[in-house]
Protein backbone atom coordinates (compact mmCIF):
# COMPACT_ATOMS: atom_id res chain seq x y z
CA MET A 1 47.64 -12.45 16.54
CA GLU A 2 45.23 -9.56 15.95
CA LEU A 3 45.37 -6.01 17.28
CA ILE A 4 42.74 -3.27 16.98
CA ALA A 5 44.23 0.19 16.45
CA LYS A 6 42.98 3.57 15.25
CA ILE A 7 44.18 5.37 12.12
CA SER A 8 45.77 8.71 12.97
CA LYS A 9 46.22 11.63 10.61
CA GLY A 10 49.84 12.40 9.79
CA THR A 11 51.51 15.24 7.96
CA LEU A 12 52.56 13.28 4.90
CA MET A 13 50.98 9.90 5.52
CA ASP A 14 48.26 8.60 7.81
CA GLN A 15 49.50 6.08 10.35
CA ILE A 16 48.48 3.32 12.79
CA TYR A 17 50.17 2.97 16.22
CA ILE A 18 50.47 -0.41 17.91
CA PRO A 19 51.96 -1.26 21.35
CA LYS A 20 55.74 -1.88 21.48
CA ASN A 21 55.23 -4.68 23.99
CA ARG A 22 53.46 -7.33 21.95
CA ALA A 23 53.79 -10.99 21.06
CA GLY A 24 54.26 -11.40 17.34
CA LEU A 25 54.05 -8.80 14.54
CA GLU A 26 57.76 -8.18 14.49
CA THR A 27 59.16 -4.90 13.17
CA GLY A 28 59.60 -5.16 9.38
CA SER A 29 56.96 -7.87 8.95
CA TYR A 30 54.14 -7.43 6.42
CA VAL A 31 50.58 -7.14 7.66
CA ILE A 32 47.11 -6.76 6.14
CA ILE A 33 45.13 -3.68 7.19
CA ARG A 34 41.33 -3.93 7.08
CA PRO A 35 38.33 -2.36 8.88
CA ALA A 36 37.43 -4.01 12.17
CA ILE A 37 33.79 -4.27 11.07
CA LEU A 38 34.66 -5.99 7.76
CA GLY A 39 33.77 -9.41 9.15
CA GLN A 40 30.27 -8.17 9.98
CA GLU A 41 29.89 -6.68 6.48
CA GLN A 42 30.96 -9.93 4.82
CA GLU A 43 28.40 -11.89 6.80
CA THR A 44 25.65 -9.56 5.56
CA LYS A 45 24.68 -11.06 2.23
CA PRO A 46 22.43 -8.60 0.34
CA ASN A 47 18.96 -9.78 -0.65
CA PHE A 48 17.88 -8.80 -4.18
CA TYR A 49 14.31 -8.26 -5.30
CA ASN A 50 13.41 -8.00 -8.99
CA ILE A 51 17.04 -7.30 -9.96
CA LYS A 52 18.48 -9.40 -12.77
CA ASN A 53 21.95 -7.94 -12.97
CA ILE A 54 23.98 -5.59 -10.83
CA GLU A 55 27.67 -4.65 -10.97
CA PRO A 56 29.89 -6.38 -8.34
CA ILE A 57 31.13 -3.01 -7.09
CA LYS A 58 27.53 -2.02 -6.30
CA VAL A 59 27.10 -5.23 -4.30
CA GLU A 60 30.15 -4.25 -2.30
CA ILE A 61 28.79 -0.69 -1.79
CA ALA A 62 25.53 -2.21 -0.54
CA ARG A 63 27.47 -4.35 1.95
CA ARG A 64 29.37 -1.28 3.11
CA ILE A 65 26.14 0.71 3.57
CA PHE A 66 24.60 -2.11 5.61
CA GLY A 67 27.76 -2.34 7.73
CA ILE A 68 28.05 1.45 8.30
CA ILE A 69 24.40 1.88 9.35
CA SER A 70 24.37 -1.29 11.46
CA SER A 71 27.49 -0.20 13.30
CA ILE A 72 25.73 3.02 14.40
CA PHE A 73 22.39 1.60 15.56
CA ASP A 74 20.32 -1.55 15.39
CA CYS A 75 17.42 -1.35 12.93
CA GLU A 76 14.90 -3.85 11.54
CA ASN A 77 15.97 -3.52 7.91
CA ILE A 78 17.92 -1.39 5.45
CA ILE A 79 16.71 -1.11 1.83
CA ILE A 80 18.54 0.49 -1.11
CA VAL A 81 16.28 1.68 -3.94
CA GLY A 82 16.34 4.14 -6.85
CA SER A 83 18.70 4.88 -9.70
CA PHE A 84 21.66 3.25 -7.89
CA LEU A 85 20.20 -0.07 -9.11
CA ASP A 86 20.18 1.06 -12.78
CA LYS A 87 22.88 -0.22 -15.09
CA GLY A 88 25.99 1.93 -15.02
CA PHE A 89 26.99 4.70 -12.64
CA ASN A 90 24.63 7.55 -13.52
CA PHE A 91 23.02 7.80 -10.09
CA ASN A 92 23.28 11.14 -8.26
CA ASP A 93 22.87 9.78 -4.75
CA LEU A 94 22.01 6.72 -2.70
CA ASP A 95 18.33 6.32 -1.90
CA ILE A 96 18.05 4.39 1.36
CA VAL A 97 14.96 3.35 3.33
CA ILE A 98 15.51 2.38 6.96
CA ILE A 99 12.77 0.33 8.68
CA ASN A 100 12.73 1.16 12.36
CA GLU A 101 10.06 1.74 14.93
CA SER A 102 11.80 4.83 16.42
CA LYS A 103 13.03 7.87 14.54
CA ILE A 104 16.75 8.47 13.93
CA ASN A 105 18.98 11.46 13.18
CA ILE A 106 18.76 11.32 9.38
CA LYS A 107 21.03 14.28 8.70
CA SER A 108 23.83 12.89 10.86
CA LEU A 109 23.53 9.48 9.21
CA GLU A 110 23.67 11.02 5.69
CA LEU A 111 26.83 12.87 6.67
CA THR A 112 28.37 9.64 7.99
CA VAL A 113 27.63 7.80 4.73
CA LYS A 114 29.11 10.71 2.79
CA SER A 115 32.31 10.73 4.87
CA LYS A 116 32.84 6.96 4.65
CA LEU A 117 31.79 6.25 1.06
CA GLY A 118 32.01 9.62 -0.71
CA PHE A 119 28.43 9.36 -1.98
CA ASN A 120 25.58 11.70 -1.17
CA SER A 121 22.58 9.87 0.25
CA HIS A 122 18.88 10.46 0.68
CA ILE A 123 17.61 8.50 3.66
CA ILE A 124 14.09 8.09 4.97
CA CYS A 125 13.06 6.19 8.10
CA LEU A 126 9.73 4.42 8.30
CA SER A 127 8.05 2.09 10.71
CA ASN A 128 6.61 -1.17 9.41
CA LYS A 129 3.15 0.31 9.75
CA GLU A 130 4.09 3.43 7.77
CA LEU A 131 5.71 1.33 5.05
CA LEU A 132 2.69 -0.94 4.61
CA ALA A 133 0.28 2.04 4.68
CA GLY A 134 2.36 3.74 1.94
CA LEU A 135 2.40 0.62 -0.21
CA ARG A 136 -1.38 0.27 0.04
CA THR A 137 -2.23 3.88 -0.79
CA ASP A 138 0.68 5.49 -2.66
CA PRO A 139 1.65 4.34 -6.18
CA LEU A 140 5.07 5.95 -5.90
CA TYR A 141 5.86 3.76 -2.85
CA GLN A 142 5.00 0.79 -5.01
CA ALA A 143 7.26 2.02 -7.78
CA MET A 144 10.07 2.73 -5.33
CA LEU A 145 9.89 -0.79 -3.89
CA SER A 146 9.31 -2.56 -7.19
CA ARG A 147 13.02 -3.50 -6.98
CA PHE A 148 15.54 -3.15 -4.23
CA VAL A 149 18.53 -4.52 -2.34
CA SER A 150 17.87 -5.15 1.31
CA LYS A 151 19.81 -6.35 4.37
CA GLN A 152 17.03 -8.67 5.51
CA ARG A 153 14.66 -10.57 3.26
CA LEU A 154 11.51 -8.60 2.66
CA ILE A 155 8.17 -10.04 1.49
CA PHE A 156 5.09 -7.87 0.85
CA LYS A 157 1.55 -9.11 1.07
CA ILE A 158 -0.56 -6.08 0.41
CA LYS A 159 -3.86 -5.18 -1.08
CA ASP A 160 -4.41 -1.76 -2.71
CA MET A 161 -6.58 0.52 -0.60
CA PRO A 162 -6.86 3.81 -2.53
CA ASP A 163 -7.08 6.87 -0.34
CA TYR A 164 -8.52 9.30 -2.89
CA LYS A 165 -7.85 12.40 -0.82
CA ILE A 166 -4.15 11.47 -0.58
CA LEU A 167 -4.11 10.70 -4.31
CA ASP A 168 -5.59 14.15 -4.98
CA LEU A 169 -2.68 15.73 -3.08
CA HIS A 170 -0.17 13.61 -5.02
CA LEU A 171 -1.76 14.52 -8.33
CA LEU A 172 -1.55 18.23 -7.48
CA LYS A 173 2.24 17.99 -7.76
CA SER A 174 1.95 17.26 -11.47
CA GLN A 175 -0.10 20.44 -12.02
CA PHE A 176 3.23 22.22 -11.65
CA LEU A 177 4.29 20.95 -15.04
CA ILE A 178 1.29 22.51 -16.78
CA ASP A 179 1.86 25.91 -15.18
CA ASN A 180 5.69 25.96 -15.46
CA PHE A 181 6.56 23.91 -18.53
CA ASP A 182 9.09 26.35 -19.98
CA ILE A 183 11.24 26.71 -16.85
CA LEU A 184 11.47 22.99 -16.00
CA THR A 185 14.37 20.77 -16.95
CA GLY A 186 13.83 17.50 -18.75
CA LYS A 187 14.44 15.48 -15.59
CA GLU A 188 11.90 17.63 -13.70
CA LYS A 189 9.32 17.11 -16.43
CA TYR A 190 10.00 13.37 -16.33
CA SER A 191 9.51 13.29 -12.54
CA LEU A 192 6.17 15.13 -12.70
CA THR A 193 4.98 13.01 -15.66
CA ARG A 194 6.05 9.88 -13.78
CA ASN A 195 3.94 11.00 -10.82
CA LEU A 196 0.86 11.44 -13.01
CA ILE A 197 1.24 8.12 -14.79
CA ALA A 198 1.92 6.20 -11.57
CA ILE A 199 -1.38 7.49 -10.17
CA LYS A 200 -3.18 6.62 -13.41
CA LEU A 201 -1.87 3.05 -13.31
CA PHE A 202 -2.73 2.72 -9.62
CA LEU A 203 -6.35 3.73 -10.28
CA GLU A 204 -6.48 1.13 -13.08
CA ASN A 205 -5.32 -1.57 -10.60
CA LYS A 206 -2.24 -2.29 -12.64
CA LYS A 207 1.12 -3.42 -11.32
CA ILE A 208 3.40 -0.49 -10.77
CA THR A 209 7.12 -0.72 -11.53
CA ASN A 210 9.54 1.83 -12.84
CA GLU A 211 9.69 -0.06 -16.13
CA MET A 212 5.86 -0.12 -16.37
CA ILE A 213 5.64 3.63 -15.76
CA ASP A 214 8.30 4.40 -18.39
CA SER A 215 6.61 2.09 -20.91
CA GLU A 216 3.24 3.79 -20.30
CA ILE A 217 4.81 7.25 -20.68
CA MET A 218 6.32 6.30 -24.03
CA ARG A 219 3.08 4.77 -25.24
CA LEU A 220 0.83 7.66 -24.22
CA PHE A 221 3.15 10.42 -25.43
CA LYS A 222 4.38 8.51 -28.49
CA LEU A 223 8.05 8.64 -27.53
CA LYS A 224 10.69 6.36 -29.04
CA THR A 225 12.71 6.37 -25.82
CA ILE A 226 12.15 7.79 -22.34
CA ASN A 227 15.30 9.90 -22.83
CA GLU A 228 13.36 12.18 -25.17
CA LEU A 229 11.54 13.43 -22.09
CA LYS A 230 14.53 13.30 -19.75
CA ASP A 231 16.70 15.22 -22.26
CA ASN A 232 13.90 17.80 -22.83
CA ILE A 233 13.59 17.25 -26.59
CA ILE A 234 9.82 16.88 -26.75
CA ASN A 235 7.27 18.88 -28.73
CA LYS A 236 5.76 21.32 -26.22
CA LEU A 237 2.30 21.70 -27.80
CA GLU A 238 1.75 18.00 -28.42
CA PHE A 239 3.12 16.98 -25.05
CA LEU A 240 1.11 19.51 -23.04
CA LYS A 241 -2.10 18.71 -24.90
CA ARG A 242 -1.79 15.03 -24.11
CA PHE A 243 -0.62 15.71 -20.53
CA LYS A 244 -3.66 17.89 -19.81
CA GLU A 245 -6.01 15.24 -21.21
CA ILE A 246 -4.54 12.52 -18.98
CA TYR A 247 -4.44 14.86 -15.97
CA LYS A 248 -8.11 15.76 -16.40
CA LYS A 249 -9.24 12.15 -16.71
CA THR A 250 -7.18 11.12 -13.69
CA PHE A 251 -8.46 14.06 -11.66
CA ASN A 252 -12.10 13.22 -12.52
CA LYS A 253 -11.56 9.58 -11.51
CA ILE A 254 -10.16 10.70 -8.12
CA MET A 255 -13.08 13.11 -7.58
CA GLU A 256 -15.47 10.28 -8.35
CA GLY A 257 -13.67 8.13 -5.81
CA ILE A 258 -13.90 10.85 -3.14
CA LYS A 259 -17.59 11.27 -3.85
CA ASN A 260 -18.31 7.57 -3.53
CA GLU A 261 -16.18 6.99 -0.43
CA PRO A 262 -18.28 5.73 2.48
CA LYS A 263 -19.13 8.46 4.98
CA PRO A 264 -17.82 8.00 8.50
CA GLN A 265 -20.54 6.85 10.88
């Protein structure tokens, strides 16, 4: 026998009320309490892309996320990306991409995830067209989706199509590091450097992954580990000199691309 009941808030303990007139579940008998949507969550086996190892608890969190979102509305796919997939539990929030043709109430959904799981989340909603356009033109999209956990299997067949004007706007973000080096934290410097190097790799037609970006940062700035940048223990003069050189070369390459772009008929 199974009954569906709602948890009510009590003064000392929360409680579940079930009808007195029932067949089975006698008073004093032991029962198992579990969410009504648990069966749906168990059926949703996460799909992993470019992930070698992940903690079992994170797999369960992914299942819960898929179940929570799917119980609210029907969407084409749910993708978890970002630092959540790194080894350990050093992530600040859950980065979630929802693939859906119509827009959703992002703020409300983030609050729901927070209330059910206790984690802050950053959710974006994209159509299939927007996702593919981003992957073709934006190196940070490629880095973001270089590894992920998804509800449905996801296969990309894309060809880079650089939009030099968009790349120019992306590159402008990294100018902020040059003008505000002293007031930025190590993580902020890492983010702006990562943006620059991702664009550089994209223009060189190289595969873009988070590992590739970090490796290139360490090589170009002669760092032993990427944490030297994240922890803000770099040499300002040496770092800025090299950053400006790379920025200038990348900017010139983008300007050349804009100049050579075919004019609209």
